[in-house]
Amino acid sequence: MMIEQINVNTELFQWLNKKTDLNSSQVDLVDGFIFMLKKINHHKSIRLVDDKKLHPRFWRSHDRTFGYELMKQKGKNRVAHLYQFYIDVAFAERLVEVRLNSVVVTMKGREYLLKNRDEQLEVLFRYIW
């Protein structure tokens, strides 16, 4: 099965390199992705501000939770590279879909949430490597 192509901003790679702890096997890339899906699922839907773009307020709360401060570096309506990557992968994998100008988690998305951490991370890595 071919995966859908998505554009990955080089800023994401630079940021990941800075954030990677070479002494740890922990990769919090998947934690943020899971957090996004769980939050969308919990609220049942999250409003879109544009085609496949979640409201910046959603990402600012994500920023506060993980302490990344990625949204402070961008213009008011520009979504940070990591968050754009998350939503692009979620749509490419059909873990989320658009319904009535909102994004909702699909059945496939709920199944993804039940997978083990390594399987979840492997999905994200397919889009990076």
N, C-alpha and C. Protein backbone atom coordinates (compact mmCIF):
# COMPACT_ATOMS: atom_id res chain seq x y z
N MET A 1 0.84 -1.18 0.00
CA MET A 1 0.00 0.00 0.00
C MET A 1 0.90 1.25 0.00
N MET A 2 0.65 2.14 -0.92
CA MET A 2 1.42 3.39 -0.98
C MET A 2 0.83 4.38 0.00
N ILE A 3 1.72 5.13 0.65
CA ILE A 3 1.23 6.15 1.56
C ILE A 3 1.08 7.45 0.78
N GLU A 4 0.14 8.25 1.22
CA GLU A 4 -0.10 9.55 0.61
C GLU A 4 1.10 10.46 0.89
N GLN A 5 1.52 11.20 -0.11
CA GLN A 5 2.63 12.13 0.06
C GLN A 5 2.16 13.37 0.81
N ILE A 6 2.96 13.80 1.78
CA ILE A 6 2.70 15.07 2.45
C ILE A 6 4.00 15.86 2.46
N ASN A 7 3.89 17.17 2.49
CA ASN A 7 5.07 18.02 2.58
C ASN A 7 5.48 18.14 4.04
N VAL A 8 6.73 17.83 4.29
CA VAL A 8 7.27 17.97 5.64
C VAL A 8 8.27 19.11 5.62
N ASN A 9 8.00 20.12 6.40
CA ASN A 9 8.84 21.31 6.47
C ASN A 9 10.18 20.98 7.10
N THR A 10 11.25 21.50 6.53
CA THR A 10 12.58 21.23 7.08
C THR A 10 12.73 21.78 8.50
N GLU A 11 11.92 22.78 8.85
CA GLU A 11 11.93 23.29 10.22
C GLU A 11 11.60 22.18 11.22
N LEU A 12 10.73 21.25 10.81
CA LEU A 12 10.36 20.15 11.68
C LEU A 12 11.59 19.30 12.00
N PHE A 13 12.39 18.98 11.00
CA PHE A 13 13.59 18.17 11.23
C PHE A 13 14.58 18.90 12.13
N GLN A 14 14.75 20.19 11.92
CA GLN A 14 15.65 20.97 12.76
C GLN A 14 15.17 20.96 14.20
N TRP A 15 13.87 21.15 14.39
CA TRP A 15 13.30 21.17 15.73
C TRP A 15 13.44 19.81 16.39
N LEU A 16 13.14 18.73 15.65
CA LEU A 16 13.28 17.38 16.20
C LEU A 16 14.72 17.09 16.61
N ASN A 17 15.67 17.52 15.80
CA ASN A 17 17.08 17.33 16.15
C ASN A 17 17.43 18.02 17.46
N LYS A 18 16.91 19.23 17.66
CA LYS A 18 17.19 19.97 18.89
C LYS A 18 16.53 19.30 20.09
N LYS A 19 15.33 18.77 19.90
CA LYS A 19 14.56 18.20 21.00
C LYS A 19 14.94 16.76 21.34
N THR A 20 15.63 16.07 20.44
CA THR A 20 15.93 14.67 20.66
C THR A 20 16.99 14.52 21.74
N ASP A 21 16.65 13.73 22.74
CA ASP A 21 17.57 13.41 23.82
C ASP A 21 18.28 12.11 23.45
N LEU A 22 19.56 12.22 23.10
CA LEU A 22 20.30 11.05 22.64
C LEU A 22 20.52 10.02 23.74
N ASN A 23 20.31 10.41 25.00
CA ASN A 23 20.48 9.48 26.12
C ASN A 23 19.19 8.77 26.49
N SER A 24 18.14 9.03 25.76
CA SER A 24 16.84 8.48 26.11
C SER A 24 16.24 7.75 24.91
N SER A 25 15.48 6.72 25.19
CA SER A 25 14.77 6.02 24.12
C SER A 25 13.37 6.60 23.95
N GLN A 26 13.01 7.55 24.78
CA GLN A 26 11.69 8.18 24.70
C GLN A 26 11.60 9.10 23.49
N VAL A 27 10.54 8.99 22.76
CA VAL A 27 10.28 9.88 21.65
C VAL A 27 8.91 10.48 21.90
N ASP A 28 8.85 11.77 22.18
CA ASP A 28 7.56 12.36 22.50
C ASP A 28 6.80 12.82 21.27
N LEU A 29 7.34 12.55 20.09
CA LEU A 29 6.65 12.86 18.84
C LEU A 29 5.28 12.18 18.83
N VAL A 30 5.24 10.93 19.22
CA VAL A 30 3.98 10.19 19.21
C VAL A 30 3.06 10.67 20.32
N ASP A 31 3.60 11.11 21.44
CA ASP A 31 2.76 11.60 22.54
C ASP A 31 1.91 12.78 22.10
N GLY A 32 2.52 13.71 21.39
CA GLY A 32 1.78 14.87 20.92
C GLY A 32 0.71 14.51 19.91
N PHE A 33 1.03 13.55 19.05
CA PHE A 33 0.08 13.11 18.03
C PHE A 33 -1.12 12.44 18.69
N ILE A 34 -0.84 11.56 19.65
CA ILE A 34 -1.91 10.87 20.38
C ILE A 34 -2.76 11.87 21.15
N PHE A 35 -2.10 12.84 21.78
CA PHE A 35 -2.81 13.89 22.51
C PHE A 35 -3.78 14.61 21.59
N MET A 36 -3.32 14.95 20.38
CA MET A 36 -4.18 15.63 19.41
C MET A 36 -5.41 14.78 19.09
N LEU A 37 -5.19 13.51 18.76
CA LEU A 37 -6.32 12.64 18.40
C LEU A 37 -7.28 12.44 19.57
N LYS A 38 -6.73 12.25 20.77
CA LYS A 38 -7.59 12.05 21.94
C LYS A 38 -8.41 13.30 22.24
N LYS A 39 -7.80 14.46 22.07
CA LYS A 39 -8.52 15.71 22.35
C LYS A 39 -9.65 15.92 21.34
N ILE A 40 -9.37 15.65 20.08
CA ILE A 40 -10.43 15.75 19.06
C ILE A 40 -11.53 14.76 19.38
N ASN A 41 -11.17 13.54 19.71
CA ASN A 41 -12.15 12.50 20.02
C ASN A 41 -12.96 12.87 21.26
N HIS A 42 -12.30 13.39 22.27
CA HIS A 42 -12.98 13.78 23.51
C HIS A 42 -14.03 14.87 23.25
N HIS A 43 -13.68 15.85 22.44
CA HIS A 43 -14.60 16.96 22.16
C HIS A 43 -15.58 16.62 21.04
N LYS A 44 -15.42 15.46 20.44
CA LYS A 44 -16.26 14.97 19.34
C LYS A 44 -15.93 15.64 18.02
N SER A 45 -15.59 16.92 18.02
CA SER A 45 -15.17 17.62 16.81
C SER A 45 -14.44 18.90 17.21
N ILE A 46 -13.56 19.34 16.31
CA ILE A 46 -12.84 20.60 16.50
C ILE A 46 -13.05 21.42 15.24
N ARG A 47 -13.37 22.68 15.44
CA ARG A 47 -13.68 23.57 14.32
C ARG A 47 -12.45 23.81 13.44
N LEU A 48 -12.69 23.82 12.14
CA LEU A 48 -11.65 24.15 11.17
C LEU A 48 -11.74 25.63 10.83
N VAL A 49 -10.60 26.26 10.59
CA VAL A 49 -10.60 27.66 10.16
C VAL A 49 -10.35 27.76 8.66
N ASP A 50 -9.91 26.68 8.08
CA ASP A 50 -9.63 26.62 6.66
C ASP A 50 -9.58 25.14 6.29
N ASP A 51 -9.36 24.85 5.05
CA ASP A 51 -9.28 23.48 4.59
C ASP A 51 -8.18 22.73 5.35
N LYS A 52 -8.57 21.78 6.18
CA LYS A 52 -7.65 20.94 6.95
C LYS A 52 -6.75 21.74 7.90
N LYS A 53 -7.24 22.85 8.40
CA LYS A 53 -6.46 23.65 9.36
C LYS A 53 -7.30 23.85 10.62
N LEU A 54 -6.78 23.32 11.73
CA LEU A 54 -7.45 23.49 13.01
C LEU A 54 -7.24 24.90 13.53
N HIS A 55 -8.16 25.34 14.33
CA HIS A 55 -8.06 26.68 14.90
C HIS A 55 -6.78 26.81 15.72
N PRO A 56 -6.04 27.92 15.59
CA PRO A 56 -4.79 28.10 16.35
C PRO A 56 -4.97 27.95 17.87
N ARG A 57 -6.14 28.24 18.39
CA ARG A 57 -6.39 28.07 19.82
C ARG A 57 -6.21 26.61 20.25
N PHE A 58 -6.61 25.68 19.37
CA PHE A 58 -6.40 24.26 19.65
C PHE A 58 -4.92 23.97 19.83
N TRP A 59 -4.10 24.51 18.94
CA TRP A 59 -2.66 24.26 19.00
C TRP A 59 -1.99 25.01 20.15
N ARG A 60 -2.51 26.17 20.51
CA ARG A 60 -1.93 26.88 21.65
C ARG A 60 -2.11 26.07 22.94
N SER A 61 -3.25 25.39 23.10
CA SER A 61 -3.44 24.55 24.29
C SER A 61 -2.50 23.35 24.23
N HIS A 62 -2.27 22.84 23.04
CA HIS A 62 -1.32 21.75 22.85
C HIS A 62 0.08 22.22 23.24
N ASP A 63 0.43 23.41 22.80
CA ASP A 63 1.71 24.04 23.12
C ASP A 63 1.92 24.15 24.64
N ARG A 64 0.89 24.61 25.33
CA ARG A 64 0.99 24.76 26.79
C ARG A 64 1.17 23.41 27.47
N THR A 65 0.46 22.41 26.99
CA THR A 65 0.53 21.08 27.59
C THR A 65 1.93 20.49 27.48
N PHE A 66 2.55 20.64 26.30
CA PHE A 66 3.86 20.03 26.07
C PHE A 66 5.02 21.00 26.30
N GLY A 67 4.71 22.28 26.48
CA GLY A 67 5.76 23.26 26.75
C GLY A 67 6.66 23.56 25.57
N TYR A 68 6.17 23.34 24.36
CA TYR A 68 7.00 23.53 23.18
C TYR A 68 7.19 25.00 22.80
N GLU A 69 6.18 25.81 23.04
CA GLU A 69 6.19 27.23 22.67
C GLU A 69 6.39 27.44 21.17
N LEU A 70 5.87 26.53 20.38
CA LEU A 70 5.99 26.65 18.92
C LEU A 70 5.07 27.73 18.36
N MET A 71 3.93 27.94 18.98
CA MET A 71 2.98 28.92 18.45
C MET A 71 3.42 30.35 18.75
N LYS A 72 4.27 30.55 19.71
CA LYS A 72 4.76 31.90 20.01
C LYS A 72 5.72 32.39 18.93
N GLN A 73 6.33 31.46 18.22
CA GLN A 73 7.32 31.80 17.21
C GLN A 73 6.69 32.16 15.87
N LYS A 74 5.45 31.91 15.70
CA LYS A 74 4.80 32.07 14.39
C LYS A 74 3.89 33.29 14.39
N GLY A 75 3.49 33.65 13.18
CA GLY A 75 2.49 34.71 13.05
C GLY A 75 1.20 34.25 13.67
N LYS A 76 0.31 35.15 13.88
CA LYS A 76 -0.92 34.86 14.62
C LYS A 76 -1.70 33.67 14.06
N ASN A 77 -1.76 33.53 12.74
CA ASN A 77 -2.57 32.46 12.16
C ASN A 77 -1.75 31.34 11.51
N ARG A 78 -0.45 31.40 11.59
CA ARG A 78 0.38 30.37 10.99
C ARG A 78 0.59 29.24 11.99
N VAL A 79 0.27 28.03 11.58
CA VAL A 79 0.41 26.87 12.46
C VAL A 79 1.85 26.38 12.42
N ALA A 80 2.39 26.02 13.55
CA ALA A 80 3.76 25.54 13.67
C ALA A 80 3.96 24.27 12.85
N HIS A 81 5.18 24.07 12.39
CA HIS A 81 5.55 22.94 11.54
C HIS A 81 5.16 21.59 12.13
N LEU A 82 5.38 21.39 13.42
CA LEU A 82 5.04 20.12 14.05
C LEU A 82 3.53 19.87 13.99
N TYR A 83 2.76 20.89 14.29
CA TYR A 83 1.31 20.73 14.32
C TYR A 83 0.74 20.53 12.92
N GLN A 84 1.33 21.18 11.93
CA GLN A 84 0.89 20.96 10.56
C GLN A 84 1.20 19.52 10.14
N PHE A 85 2.36 19.03 10.55
CA PHE A 85 2.73 17.64 10.28
C PHE A 85 1.71 16.69 10.91
N TYR A 86 1.37 16.92 12.16
CA TYR A 86 0.39 16.07 12.84
C TYR A 86 -0.93 15.99 12.07
N ILE A 87 -1.47 17.12 11.70
CA ILE A 87 -2.78 17.11 11.05
C ILE A 87 -2.68 16.54 9.64
N ASP A 88 -1.57 16.82 8.95
CA ASP A 88 -1.38 16.25 7.61
C ASP A 88 -1.33 14.72 7.66
N VAL A 89 -0.61 14.17 8.64
CA VAL A 89 -0.53 12.72 8.78
C VAL A 89 -1.89 12.14 9.16
N ALA A 90 -2.58 12.81 10.05
CA ALA A 90 -3.91 12.32 10.48
C ALA A 90 -4.86 12.24 9.29
N PHE A 91 -4.83 13.24 8.42
CA PHE A 91 -5.69 13.19 7.23
C PHE A 91 -5.19 12.15 6.23
N ALA A 92 -3.87 12.08 6.01
CA ALA A 92 -3.32 11.12 5.06
C ALA A 92 -3.62 9.68 5.47
N GLU A 93 -3.57 9.42 6.77
CA GLU A 93 -3.86 8.08 7.29
C GLU A 93 -5.35 7.83 7.48
N ARG A 94 -6.15 8.85 7.22
CA ARG A 94 -7.60 8.79 7.38
C ARG A 94 -8.01 8.48 8.82
N LEU A 95 -7.23 9.06 9.74
CA LEU A 95 -7.54 8.95 11.16
C LEU A 95 -8.56 10.00 11.57
N VAL A 96 -8.65 11.05 10.76
CA VAL A 96 -9.64 12.11 10.95
C VAL A 96 -10.27 12.43 9.60
N GLU A 97 -11.43 13.08 9.66
CA GLU A 97 -12.10 13.53 8.44
C GLU A 97 -12.87 14.81 8.74
N VAL A 98 -13.23 15.51 7.68
CA VAL A 98 -13.98 16.76 7.81
C VAL A 98 -15.47 16.45 7.78
N ARG A 99 -16.17 17.02 8.75
CA ARG A 99 -17.64 16.95 8.78
C ARG A 99 -18.16 18.31 9.21
N LEU A 100 -18.94 18.93 8.36
CA LEU A 100 -19.58 20.20 8.68
C LEU A 100 -18.60 21.24 9.24
N ASN A 101 -17.53 21.49 8.49
CA ASN A 101 -16.52 22.49 8.84
C ASN A 101 -15.80 22.19 10.16
N SER A 102 -15.79 20.92 10.55
CA SER A 102 -15.07 20.49 11.74
C SER A 102 -14.32 19.21 11.41
N VAL A 103 -13.37 18.88 12.25
CA VAL A 103 -12.62 17.65 12.07
C VAL A 103 -13.06 16.68 13.18
N VAL A 104 -13.25 15.42 12.79
CA VAL A 104 -13.66 14.38 13.72
C VAL A 104 -12.74 13.18 13.57
N VAL A 105 -12.60 12.39 14.62
CA VAL A 105 -11.80 11.16 14.56
C VAL A 105 -12.66 10.07 13.93
N THR A 106 -12.07 9.35 13.00
CA THR A 106 -12.75 8.26 12.32
C THR A 106 -12.63 6.96 13.12
N MET A 107 -13.29 5.94 12.66
CA MET A 107 -13.15 4.61 13.27
C MET A 107 -11.70 4.16 13.18
N LYS A 108 -11.06 4.40 12.05
CA LYS A 108 -9.65 4.05 11.89
C LYS A 108 -8.79 4.82 12.90
N GLY A 109 -9.16 6.06 13.18
CA GLY A 109 -8.44 6.85 14.18
C GLY A 109 -8.59 6.26 15.58
N ARG A 110 -9.80 5.82 15.91
CA ARG A 110 -10.01 5.20 17.22
C ARG A 110 -9.25 3.87 17.32
N GLU A 111 -9.15 3.14 16.22
CA GLU A 111 -8.37 1.91 16.21
C GLU A 111 -6.88 2.23 16.39
N TYR A 112 -6.42 3.29 15.77
CA TYR A 112 -5.02 3.72 15.91
C TYR A 112 -4.70 4.01 17.38
N LEU A 113 -5.64 4.63 18.08
CA LEU A 113 -5.42 4.96 19.49
C LEU A 113 -5.26 3.70 20.36
N LEU A 114 -5.76 2.57 19.91
CA LEU A 114 -5.66 1.32 20.66
C LEU A 114 -4.36 0.56 20.38
N LYS A 115 -3.62 0.98 19.35
CA LYS A 115 -2.37 0.29 19.02
C LYS A 115 -1.30 0.57 20.07
N ASN A 116 -0.27 -0.26 20.07
CA ASN A 116 0.82 -0.01 21.02
C ASN A 116 1.67 1.15 20.51
N ARG A 117 2.45 1.69 21.40
CA ARG A 117 3.24 2.89 21.13
C ARG A 117 4.17 2.73 19.93
N ASP A 118 4.82 1.57 19.80
CA ASP A 118 5.73 1.34 18.68
C ASP A 118 5.00 1.38 17.34
N GLU A 119 3.82 0.78 17.28
CA GLU A 119 3.02 0.80 16.05
C GLU A 119 2.58 2.22 15.72
N GLN A 120 2.20 2.97 16.75
CA GLN A 120 1.78 4.36 16.54
C GLN A 120 2.94 5.19 16.01
N LEU A 121 4.10 5.02 16.61
CA LEU A 121 5.27 5.78 16.20
C LEU A 121 5.71 5.42 14.79
N GLU A 122 5.58 4.16 14.44
CA GLU A 122 5.98 3.71 13.10
C GLU A 122 5.17 4.42 12.01
N VAL A 123 3.90 4.67 12.27
CA VAL A 123 3.07 5.40 11.31
C VAL A 123 3.66 6.80 11.07
N LEU A 124 4.03 7.49 12.14
CA LEU A 124 4.60 8.83 11.99
C LEU A 124 5.94 8.78 11.27
N PHE A 125 6.76 7.81 11.61
CA PHE A 125 8.09 7.69 10.99
C PHE A 125 8.01 7.43 9.49
N ARG A 126 6.96 6.75 9.04
CA ARG A 126 6.81 6.51 7.60
C ARG A 126 6.76 7.81 6.81
N TYR A 127 6.27 8.85 7.43
CA TYR A 127 6.14 10.13 6.74
C TYR A 127 7.41 10.98 6.87
N ILE A 128 8.29 10.60 7.76
CA ILE A 128 9.53 11.35 7.94
C ILE A 128 10.65 10.71 7.15
N TRP A 129 10.71 9.36 7.16
CA TRP A 129 11.80 8.68 6.46
C TRP A 129 11.31 7.97 5.25
